[in-house]
Amino acid sequence: MNYKLLFLVSLLLFPTVSLPLVYFSSNVNGASRNEDFYFGVTFGGNTTSEAKLLIDKVKGYTNLFVINNWDLALNETALTEICDCAVDAGMNIMVYFGFVFFDISFLYPRWQDLFAEAGIEPFHTPWLINASDRWGEKFLGAYVLDEPGGKQLDKGHYSGYTTRYSGANQTTFTNVADYSEAARLFVRGVGSYYVQRLNNASYYRSIPNSTGKVIPVFTADNALYWFDYLAGYDTVFAEFGWNHNEAQHIALCRGAANVQDKQWGAIITWASNDPPYLASGSQMLQQMNTAYYSGAKYLIVFNYPQLNPYGALTDEHFAAMETFWNRIHSFPGNIVEKVTGEVAMVLPKDYGWGMRQADDKIWGLWPADDLSPSIGEKIATLISEYGLKLDIIYDDPQFNYTEKYAKIYYWNSSNSLFISSMPIIMPSNALYATLLTVAVTVICIPFYVITKRKNGENLKNLSHQ
């Protein structure tokens, strides 16, 4: 046998096999870098002792703590103490604000008196400005308002209130002519309602405008994700709950984030409005897996009300969270294939139909129209065919989405626009293992044969001596 030739062949085959292996390994690990993934819980309790108890419980298998309590957002001392405790435990922090004080001098005198009588100090602006100095990158930003899209559909106004503080009726959407006007008013209202005051340097009297510090802004929602992002949110969390179609919510939220170059996440919320509210531990684990492998950057478990010392979460939920955390940080669990949006369903511009159920409203102002049934059927068909690979986006000329998808379906066409003949390929664990086996086999067998042959020749020579 020509061993030199065998050795040469093995050298030639080495890069042929190993380079794809390195490529796939790099791509998969790059797509699944857990240091860029945030997983945690909300805290809805009222005291620092309750917060510290929850932090001690989850700090070993989470890296995000969301302070989600109206009263704490008005108590500077308690809020700062809880944030210190979470950061000292190695966690990142995010704080919910139902509203943000900017400059109390701009308020009517009677409102200034009311705040003074209630003992409320308008500390929000300096607190937010100093947050990044105090906690650095551990302070992720502000969770501002909640469910603006869902409230718009359910209440007819993104604030969730049908009356103003003065007692007068909300008039923002009175006499709205069409869907486009409703979209414009929603985006403008939500955007100016604190969002752009925190993250837009060009916005008058914003924190970035006066200090140069941008405060990332988050919210959770169950509808109208596209328009939340247009209003200025940096990240929106798709809500998993109430038996809603999770694949559809992912498609809507991830699609909006993808086209508008934003981030997205998911929040696991109530399964029903009746105690014990949350899904079982096994169901919650499945929801975690779905969100993670769909590419969510943030995953939060909603933990309210305080049904026990830790909130609404029980031992089975904590066990599910720990199992999930260990799985995504183990090998090969941390390189399991993730799903991306490869196919897009394009909706009409400014079409604010909620899509949570067949009779959902449009912008909270109109009933479902003649387009709604056909759009709903097409979405159901595409989810059945493509599953979590589907994104749902809007036909908006300010965004070029055709280069982001291999295949595009439009609401008004039965045919798809085929963009690319080369779909995105993600390696599975089986492929990774196969490539590794082939590489080891190709590289090791020739050396084994050569070594064995030489040993045989040496033994033969010794026998003749």
Protein backbone atom coordinates (compact mmCIF):
# COMPACT_ATOMS: atom_id res chain seq x y z
CA MET A 1 0.00 0.00 0.00
CA ASN A 2 1.22 3.52 -0.82
CA TYR A 3 1.16 5.09 2.66
CA LYS A 4 2.44 8.43 1.44
CA LEU A 5 -0.53 8.62 -0.89
CA LEU A 6 -2.91 7.68 1.92
CA PHE A 7 -1.40 10.33 4.16
CA LEU A 8 -1.69 12.94 1.38
CA VAL A 9 -5.34 12.05 0.78
CA SER A 10 -6.12 12.45 4.48
CA LEU A 11 -4.50 15.89 4.49
CA LEU A 12 -6.55 16.93 1.48
CA LEU A 13 -9.78 15.64 3.04
CA PHE A 14 -9.12 17.36 6.36
CA PRO A 15 -10.05 20.92 5.26
CA THR A 16 -12.90 19.58 3.13
CA VAL A 17 -14.54 18.08 6.20
CA SER A 18 -13.32 20.34 8.98
CA LEU A 19 -14.03 23.73 7.41
CA PRO A 20 -17.79 23.11 7.06
CA LEU A 21 -17.71 21.84 10.62
CA VAL A 22 -16.06 25.02 11.84
CA TYR A 23 -18.47 27.09 9.76
CA PHE A 24 -21.56 25.38 11.16
CA SER A 25 -20.21 25.45 14.70
CA SER A 26 -19.44 29.15 14.43
CA ASN A 27 -22.81 29.98 12.92
CA VAL A 28 -24.81 27.98 15.43
CA ASN A 29 -22.94 29.25 18.45
CA GLY A 30 -23.08 32.79 17.08
CA ALA A 31 -26.84 32.55 16.67
CA SER A 32 -27.28 31.13 20.17
CA ARG A 33 -24.91 33.20 22.28
CA ASN A 34 -26.49 32.94 25.70
CA GLU A 35 -24.60 35.96 27.01
CA ASP A 36 -26.94 38.03 24.81
CA PHE A 37 -30.07 36.32 26.13
CA TYR A 38 -31.98 37.69 29.12
CA PHE A 39 -34.23 35.43 31.18
CA GLY A 40 -36.00 36.46 34.34
CA VAL A 41 -39.08 37.24 36.38
CA THR A 42 -41.19 40.23 37.28
CA PHE A 43 -41.60 41.35 40.86
CA GLY A 44 -45.01 42.72 41.74
CA GLY A 45 -44.72 42.82 45.52
CA ASN A 46 -44.67 45.94 47.67
CA THR A 47 -41.68 45.55 49.97
CA THR A 48 -37.92 45.25 49.67
CA SER A 49 -37.96 42.12 51.84
CA GLU A 50 -40.29 40.38 49.38
CA ALA A 51 -38.05 41.41 46.50
CA LYS A 52 -34.92 40.11 48.23
CA LEU A 53 -36.63 36.79 48.94
CA LEU A 54 -37.48 36.35 45.24
CA ILE A 55 -34.00 37.42 44.13
CA ASP A 56 -32.39 34.82 46.40
CA LYS A 57 -34.78 32.20 45.02
CA VAL A 58 -34.09 32.74 41.30
CA LYS A 59 -30.58 34.23 41.09
CA GLY A 60 -29.04 30.85 40.26
CA TYR A 61 -31.04 30.35 37.06
CA THR A 62 -32.05 33.79 35.82
CA ASN A 63 -30.17 36.93 34.82
CA LEU A 64 -32.98 39.50 34.70
CA PHE A 65 -35.13 41.06 37.44
CA VAL A 66 -38.02 43.30 36.41
CA ILE A 67 -39.44 45.59 39.12
CA ASN A 68 -43.07 45.79 38.08
CA ASN A 69 -44.96 47.64 40.79
CA TRP A 70 -46.71 51.00 40.61
CA ASP A 71 -46.02 51.91 44.25
CA LEU A 72 -42.32 51.08 44.05
CA ALA A 73 -42.01 53.30 40.98
CA LEU A 74 -42.99 56.17 43.29
CA ASN A 75 -40.63 55.21 46.13
CA GLU A 76 -37.06 56.18 45.27
CA THR A 77 -35.45 54.63 48.33
CA ALA A 78 -37.11 51.22 47.98
CA LEU A 79 -36.63 51.14 44.22
CA THR A 80 -32.92 51.87 44.49
CA GLU A 81 -32.45 49.32 47.27
CA ILE A 82 -34.12 46.55 45.24
CA CYS A 83 -32.07 47.39 42.16
CA ASP A 84 -28.88 47.31 44.24
CA CYS A 85 -29.83 43.91 45.62
CA ALA A 86 -30.55 42.43 42.18
CA VAL A 87 -27.34 43.77 40.65
CA ASP A 88 -25.30 42.54 43.63
CA ALA A 89 -26.79 39.09 42.91
CA GLY A 90 -25.42 39.28 39.37
CA MET A 91 -28.72 40.08 37.68
CA ASN A 92 -29.68 42.70 35.12
CA ILE A 93 -32.52 45.06 35.99
CA MET A 94 -35.46 46.72 34.29
CA VAL A 95 -37.98 49.03 35.98
CA TYR A 96 -41.65 49.53 35.13
CA PHE A 97 -43.06 53.06 35.02
CA GLY A 98 -46.76 53.69 34.45
CA PHE A 99 -45.74 57.30 33.93
CA VAL A 100 -42.51 59.25 34.19
CA PHE A 101 -42.05 62.57 35.97
CA PHE A 102 -40.02 64.89 33.79
CA ASP A 103 -40.37 68.37 35.18
CA ILE A 104 -43.02 68.98 37.81
CA SER A 105 -42.85 72.71 37.12
CA PHE A 106 -44.76 72.08 33.89
CA LEU A 107 -47.72 70.63 35.80
CA TYR A 108 -50.73 72.67 36.83
CA PRO A 109 -50.35 74.04 40.38
CA ARG A 110 -53.20 71.87 41.63
CA TRP A 111 -51.37 68.75 40.45
CA GLN A 112 -48.19 69.92 42.16
CA ASP A 113 -50.19 70.31 45.37
CA LEU A 114 -51.68 66.82 45.02
CA PHE A 115 -48.26 65.23 44.64
CA ALA A 116 -46.94 67.18 47.61
CA GLU A 117 -49.92 66.15 49.78
CA ALA A 118 -49.40 62.49 48.80
CA GLY A 119 -45.72 62.69 49.68
CA ILE A 120 -44.66 61.86 46.13
CA GLU A 121 -41.30 63.23 45.09
CA PRO A 122 -40.85 63.54 41.30
CA PHE A 123 -37.48 61.76 41.26
CA HIS A 124 -37.81 59.85 37.97
CA THR A 125 -35.73 62.02 35.66
CA PRO A 126 -32.57 62.30 37.81
CA TRP A 127 -32.96 58.65 38.85
CA LEU A 128 -33.04 57.47 35.23
CA ILE A 129 -30.16 59.76 34.27
CA ASN A 130 -27.99 58.34 37.06
CA ALA A 131 -29.05 54.70 36.62
CA SER A 132 -26.40 53.88 34.03
CA ASP A 133 -23.71 55.47 36.19
CA ARG A 134 -24.78 53.50 39.24
CA TRP A 135 -25.43 50.10 37.66
CA GLY A 136 -23.68 50.32 34.30
CA GLU A 137 -24.81 47.85 31.66
CA LYS A 138 -26.80 45.95 34.27
CA PHE A 139 -29.49 48.63 33.95
CA LEU A 140 -31.23 47.60 30.73
CA GLY A 141 -33.79 50.40 30.60
CA ALA A 142 -37.34 51.40 31.44
CA TYR A 143 -40.49 49.33 30.95
CA VAL A 144 -42.92 52.13 30.09
CA LEU A 145 -46.70 51.74 30.01
CA ASP A 146 -48.12 48.28 29.41
CA GLU A 147 -50.03 46.77 26.49
CA PRO A 148 -50.61 50.02 24.58
CA GLY A 149 -51.79 48.06 21.53
CA GLY A 150 -54.06 45.75 23.49
CA LYS A 151 -55.55 48.67 25.42
CA GLN A 152 -56.15 50.55 22.18
CA LEU A 153 -58.20 47.64 20.88
CA ASP A 154 -60.03 46.92 24.14
CA LYS A 155 -60.61 50.45 25.42
CA GLY A 156 -60.35 52.63 22.33
CA HIS A 157 -57.29 54.42 23.76
CA TYR A 158 -53.69 53.28 24.30
CA SER A 159 -53.69 54.52 27.90
CA GLY A 160 -56.49 52.14 28.82
CA TYR A 161 -58.57 55.03 30.14
CA THR A 162 -61.68 56.44 28.52
CA THR A 163 -61.46 59.65 30.55
CA ARG A 164 -58.68 62.12 31.26
CA TYR A 165 -57.28 62.99 34.69
CA SER A 166 -59.57 66.00 34.68
CA GLY A 167 -62.60 63.73 34.29
CA ALA A 168 -63.31 64.77 30.70
CA ASN A 169 -63.70 62.11 28.03
CA GLN A 170 -60.72 61.07 25.92
CA THR A 171 -61.01 62.76 22.54
CA THR A 172 -57.82 61.58 20.81
CA PHE A 173 -59.68 59.23 18.49
CA THR A 174 -62.95 61.12 18.19
CA ASN A 175 -64.15 61.45 14.60
CA VAL A 176 -61.19 59.51 13.17
CA ALA A 177 -61.73 59.20 9.43
CA ASP A 178 -59.86 56.02 8.51
CA TYR A 179 -57.28 53.41 9.52
CA SER A 180 -54.32 55.55 8.51
CA GLU A 181 -55.43 58.44 10.70
CA ALA A 182 -55.93 56.05 13.61
CA ALA A 183 -52.43 54.64 13.07
CA ARG A 184 -50.92 58.13 12.95
CA LEU A 185 -52.64 59.20 16.18
CA PHE A 186 -51.65 56.00 17.97
CA VAL A 187 -47.99 56.24 16.95
CA ARG A 188 -47.79 59.93 17.79
CA GLY A 189 -49.60 59.54 21.11
CA VAL A 190 -47.65 56.54 22.39
CA GLY A 191 -44.39 57.97 21.11
CA SER A 192 -44.79 61.29 22.86
CA TYR A 193 -46.25 59.62 25.92
CA TYR A 194 -42.81 59.26 27.52
CA VAL A 195 -41.26 56.82 25.02
CA GLN A 196 -39.35 59.30 22.88
CA ARG A 197 -38.62 61.44 25.92
CA LEU A 198 -36.40 58.60 27.06
CA ASN A 199 -34.71 57.33 23.90
CA ASN A 200 -34.91 60.04 21.21
CA ALA A 201 -32.15 62.66 21.33
CA SER A 202 -33.96 64.86 18.80
CA TYR A 203 -37.15 65.00 20.89
CA TYR A 204 -37.71 68.29 22.72
CA ARG A 205 -37.03 68.11 26.47
CA SER A 206 -35.99 64.45 26.25
CA ILE A 207 -33.35 62.97 28.56
CA PRO A 208 -31.01 62.20 25.63
CA ASN A 209 -31.51 65.71 24.30
CA SER A 210 -30.39 67.33 27.54
CA THR A 211 -27.88 64.78 28.87
CA GLY A 212 -26.81 62.63 25.93
CA LYS A 213 -27.93 59.48 27.79
CA VAL A 214 -30.35 57.24 25.91
CA ILE A 215 -32.69 55.14 28.05
CA PRO A 216 -33.85 52.00 26.16
CA VAL A 217 -37.62 51.61 26.38
CA PHE A 218 -39.56 48.34 26.65
CA THR A 219 -43.16 47.22 26.85
CA ALA A 220 -45.27 44.08 26.62
CA ASP A 221 -48.25 43.72 24.32
CA ASN A 222 -50.70 41.31 22.74
CA ALA A 223 -51.50 43.19 19.53
CA LEU A 224 -50.40 46.03 17.21
CA TYR A 225 -46.71 45.25 17.75
CA TRP A 226 -45.77 46.90 14.45
CA PHE A 227 -47.15 50.22 15.63
CA ASP A 228 -45.54 49.95 19.07
CA TYR A 229 -42.18 49.85 17.31
CA LEU A 230 -43.16 52.75 15.06
CA ALA A 231 -43.94 54.73 18.22
CA GLY A 232 -40.34 54.30 19.32
CA TYR A 233 -40.13 51.24 21.56
CA ASP A 234 -36.74 49.56 21.38
CA THR A 235 -38.11 46.16 22.39
CA VAL A 236 -41.61 44.70 22.67
CA PHE A 237 -42.42 41.50 24.56
CA ALA A 238 -45.04 39.29 22.91
CA GLU A 239 -47.44 37.99 25.52
CA PHE A 240 -47.91 34.22 25.83
CA GLY A 241 -51.19 33.55 27.59
CA TRP A 242 -54.97 33.14 27.51
CA ASN A 243 -54.64 30.29 24.98
CA HIS A 244 -53.66 32.75 22.26
CA ASN A 245 -51.81 31.38 19.23
CA GLU A 246 -48.16 31.73 20.24
CA ALA A 247 -46.87 31.17 16.71
CA GLN A 248 -49.02 34.07 15.50
CA HIS A 249 -47.82 36.41 18.25
CA ILE A 250 -44.22 35.49 17.50
CA ALA A 251 -44.81 36.10 13.80
CA LEU A 252 -46.28 39.55 14.47
CA CYS A 253 -43.76 40.69 17.08
CA ARG A 254 -40.62 39.18 15.55
CA GLY A 255 -41.66 40.30 12.06
CA ALA A 256 -42.09 43.90 13.20
CA ALA A 257 -38.76 43.84 15.02
CA ASN A 258 -36.97 42.24 12.08
CA VAL A 259 -38.18 44.72 9.47
CA GLN A 260 -37.72 47.77 11.72
CA ASP A 261 -34.31 46.61 13.02
CA LYS A 262 -35.39 46.34 16.65
CA GLN A 263 -35.21 43.63 19.33
CA TRP A 264 -38.06 41.43 20.52
CA GLY A 265 -38.86 39.17 23.41
CA ALA A 266 -41.66 37.23 25.07
CA ILE A 267 -43.38 37.38 28.42
CA ILE A 268 -45.26 34.37 29.81
CA THR A 269 -48.32 35.78 31.48
CA TRP A 270 -51.61 34.46 32.87
CA ALA A 271 -53.20 31.39 31.33
CA SER A 272 -56.60 32.51 32.66
CA ASN A 273 -58.22 35.21 34.76
CA ASP A 274 -59.00 32.73 37.53
CA PRO A 275 -56.66 31.53 40.30
CA PRO A 276 -53.98 30.17 40.19
CA TYR A 277 -53.71 32.24 36.96
CA LEU A 278 -50.48 30.77 35.59
CA ALA A 279 -50.02 27.69 33.42
CA SER A 280 -48.51 24.52 34.85
CA GLY A 281 -44.76 24.11 35.11
CA SER A 282 -44.61 21.73 32.14
CA GLN A 283 -46.70 24.08 30.00
CA MET A 284 -44.52 27.01 31.00
CA LEU A 285 -41.37 25.06 30.09
CA GLN A 286 -42.78 24.44 26.63
CA GLN A 287 -43.52 28.17 26.25
CA MET A 288 -39.96 29.00 27.29
CA ASN A 289 -38.56 26.61 24.71
CA THR A 290 -40.82 28.04 22.00
CA ALA A 291 -39.75 31.63 22.69
CA TYR A 292 -36.05 30.81 22.98
CA TYR A 293 -35.79 28.71 19.85
CA SER A 294 -37.78 31.32 17.92
CA GLY A 295 -34.97 33.79 18.60
CA ALA A 296 -36.33 35.91 21.47
CA LYS A 297 -33.61 38.06 23.05
CA TYR A 298 -35.66 38.52 26.23
CA LEU A 299 -37.85 36.01 28.05
CA ILE A 300 -39.74 37.05 31.16
CA VAL A 301 -42.11 35.16 33.46
CA PHE A 302 -44.92 37.34 34.80
CA ASN A 303 -45.16 36.81 38.56
CA TYR A 304 -48.30 38.40 39.99
CA PRO A 305 -50.25 38.57 42.30
CA GLN A 306 -48.60 37.77 45.63
CA LEU A 307 -50.27 34.43 46.32
CA ASN A 308 -47.29 33.15 48.32
CA PRO A 309 -44.04 34.66 49.65
CA TYR A 310 -42.55 34.53 46.14
CA GLY A 311 -45.56 35.89 44.25
CA ALA A 312 -47.70 33.69 42.00
CA LEU A 313 -44.91 31.28 41.06
CA THR A 314 -44.76 27.91 42.81
CA ASP A 315 -42.16 25.17 43.11
CA GLU A 316 -43.19 23.58 39.80
CA HIS A 317 -42.65 26.89 38.01
CA PHE A 318 -39.25 27.46 39.59
CA ALA A 319 -38.27 23.90 38.68
CA ALA A 320 -39.30 24.52 35.07
CA MET A 321 -37.28 27.74 34.98
CA GLU A 322 -34.19 26.01 36.36
CA THR A 323 -34.56 23.15 33.88
CA PHE A 324 -34.81 25.63 31.02
CA TRP A 325 -31.78 27.61 32.20
CA ASN A 326 -29.64 24.51 32.59
CA ARG A 327 -30.70 23.21 29.19
CA ILE A 328 -29.73 26.34 27.26
CA HIS A 329 -26.40 26.56 29.06
CA SER A 330 -25.40 22.95 28.55
CA PHE A 331 -23.73 21.24 25.59
CA PRO A 332 -25.18 20.36 23.12
CA GLY A 333 -28.35 22.02 24.38
CA ASN A 334 -26.93 25.49 23.82
CA ILE A 335 -26.40 24.91 20.10
CA VAL A 336 -29.80 23.46 19.25
CA GLU A 337 -31.15 24.89 16.02
CA LYS A 338 -33.03 28.19 16.32
CA VAL A 339 -35.83 29.20 14.00
CA THR A 340 -35.76 32.48 12.09
CA GLY A 341 -38.41 34.25 10.03
CA GLU A 342 -37.82 32.95 6.51
CA VAL A 343 -41.32 33.58 5.12
CA ALA A 344 -43.37 36.77 5.42
CA MET A 345 -47.09 37.46 5.28
CA VAL A 346 -47.67 41.12 4.35
CA LEU A 347 -50.76 42.93 5.67
CA PRO A 348 -52.30 46.16 4.33
CA LYS A 349 -50.69 49.37 5.53
CA ASP A 350 -52.13 50.67 8.81
CA TYR A 351 -54.52 47.72 9.10
CA GLY A 352 -54.94 47.70 12.88
CA TRP A 353 -57.02 44.54 13.24
CA GLY A 354 -56.20 42.83 16.54
CA MET A 355 -56.24 39.26 15.18
CA ARG A 356 -56.54 37.80 18.69
CA GLN A 357 -59.94 36.37 17.79
CA ALA A 358 -62.20 36.49 14.75
CA ASP A 359 -64.35 39.34 16.08
CA ASP A 360 -61.45 41.46 17.30
CA LYS A 361 -61.75 45.18 16.57
CA ILE A 362 -59.76 47.38 14.22
CA TRP A 363 -57.98 50.10 16.18
CA GLY A 364 -60.60 49.62 18.89
CA LEU A 365 -62.84 51.86 16.81
CA TRP A 366 -64.32 49.64 14.10
CA PRO A 367 -65.51 46.04 13.96
CA ALA A 368 -63.68 43.48 11.85
CA ASP A 369 -64.24 44.28 8.17
CA ASP A 370 -64.64 42.26 4.97
CA LEU A 371 -60.88 41.63 4.75
CA SER A 372 -60.59 40.16 8.22
CA PRO A 373 -61.89 36.61 7.54
CA SER A 374 -59.70 36.06 4.48
CA ILE A 375 -56.63 37.46 6.24
CA GLY A 376 -57.30 35.29 9.27
CA GLU A 377 -57.65 32.19 7.09
CA LYS A 378 -54.45 32.95 5.18
CA ILE A 379 -52.49 33.45 8.40
CA ALA A 380 -53.80 30.15 9.78
CA THR A 381 -52.84 28.37 6.56
CA LEU A 382 -49.33 29.82 6.53
CA ILE A 383 -48.73 29.00 10.19
CA SER A 384 -49.86 25.45 9.47
CA GLU A 385 -47.39 25.24 6.59
CA TYR A 386 -44.39 27.17 7.95
CA GLY A 387 -44.88 27.15 11.71
CA LEU A 388 -42.42 29.37 13.57
CA LYS A 389 -40.61 30.31 10.35
CA LEU A 390 -43.43 32.76 9.49
CA ASP A 391 -43.24 36.52 10.13
CA ILE A 392 -46.26 38.82 9.75
CA ILE A 393 -45.44 42.37 8.64
CA TYR A 394 -47.10 45.42 7.08
CA ASP A 395 -46.91 46.96 3.64
CA ASP A 396 -45.08 50.15 4.58
CA PRO A 397 -42.98 51.96 1.94
CA GLN A 398 -40.50 53.28 4.50
CA PHE A 399 -39.15 49.75 5.04
CA ASN A 400 -37.48 47.47 2.49
CA TYR A 401 -38.51 44.00 3.59
CA THR A 402 -38.12 42.07 0.34
CA GLU A 403 -34.43 41.36 0.99
CA LYS A 404 -35.15 39.88 4.41
CA TYR A 405 -37.26 36.90 3.35
CA ALA A 406 -36.95 33.96 0.99
CA LYS A 407 -40.68 33.94 0.28
CA ILE A 408 -43.36 36.61 0.65
CA TYR A 409 -47.15 36.29 0.65
CA TYR A 410 -49.46 39.30 0.30
CA TRP A 411 -52.90 39.65 1.82
CA ASN A 412 -54.50 40.34 -1.58
CA SER A 413 -52.85 37.59 -3.60
CA SER A 414 -53.12 33.81 -3.60
CA ASN A 415 -49.58 33.56 -4.97
CA SER A 416 -46.30 34.14 -3.18
CA LEU A 417 -43.38 36.27 -4.28
CA PHE A 418 -40.45 33.86 -4.47
CA ILE A 419 -37.37 35.89 -3.58
CA SER A 420 -34.65 33.28 -3.23
CA SER A 421 -34.11 29.72 -4.32
CA MET A 422 -31.72 29.17 -1.42
CA PRO A 423 -33.55 28.96 1.90
CA ILE A 424 -31.70 29.65 5.11
CA ILE A 425 -30.09 26.44 6.31
CA MET A 426 -29.55 25.90 10.00
CA PRO A 427 -27.64 22.82 11.14
CA SER A 428 -29.30 20.48 13.57
CA ASN A 429 -27.56 18.56 16.31
CA ALA A 430 -27.73 15.43 14.16
CA LEU A 431 -25.87 17.17 11.33
CA TYR A 432 -23.30 18.54 13.75
CA ALA A 433 -22.69 15.07 15.21
CA THR A 434 -22.49 13.51 11.74
CA LEU A 435 -19.91 16.01 10.54
CA LEU A 436 -17.87 15.51 13.68
CA THR A 437 -17.93 11.74 13.25
CA VAL A 438 -16.89 11.97 9.60
CA ALA A 439 -14.07 14.37 10.44
CA VAL A 440 -12.68 12.14 13.16
CA THR A 441 -13.00 9.05 10.95
CA VAL A 442 -11.29 10.60 7.92
CA ILE A 443 -8.45 12.02 9.97
CA CYS A 444 -7.79 9.14 12.38
CA ILE A 445 -8.20 5.98 10.29
CA PRO A 446 -5.25 6.63 7.92
CA PHE A 447 -2.95 7.24 10.87
CA TYR A 448 -4.26 4.13 12.59
CA VAL A 449 -3.58 2.04 9.45
CA ILE A 450 -0.10 3.49 9.05
CA THR A 451 0.77 2.96 12.71
CA LYS A 452 -0.54 -0.60 12.73
CA ARG A 453 1.33 -1.45 9.53
CA LYS A 454 4.60 -0.03 10.84
CA ASN A 455 4.22 -1.92 14.12
CA GLY A 456 3.69 -5.11 12.14
CA GLU A 457 6.82 -4.47 10.09
CA ASN A 458 8.82 -3.77 13.24
CA LEU A 459 7.68 -7.04 14.80
CA LYS A 460 8.61 -8.91 11.63
CA ASN A 461 12.07 -7.34 11.64
CA LEU A 462 12.57 -8.28 15.27
CA SER A 463 11.58 -11.88 14.59
CA HIS A 464 14.30 -12.15 11.94
CA GLN A 465 17.03 -10.80 14.19
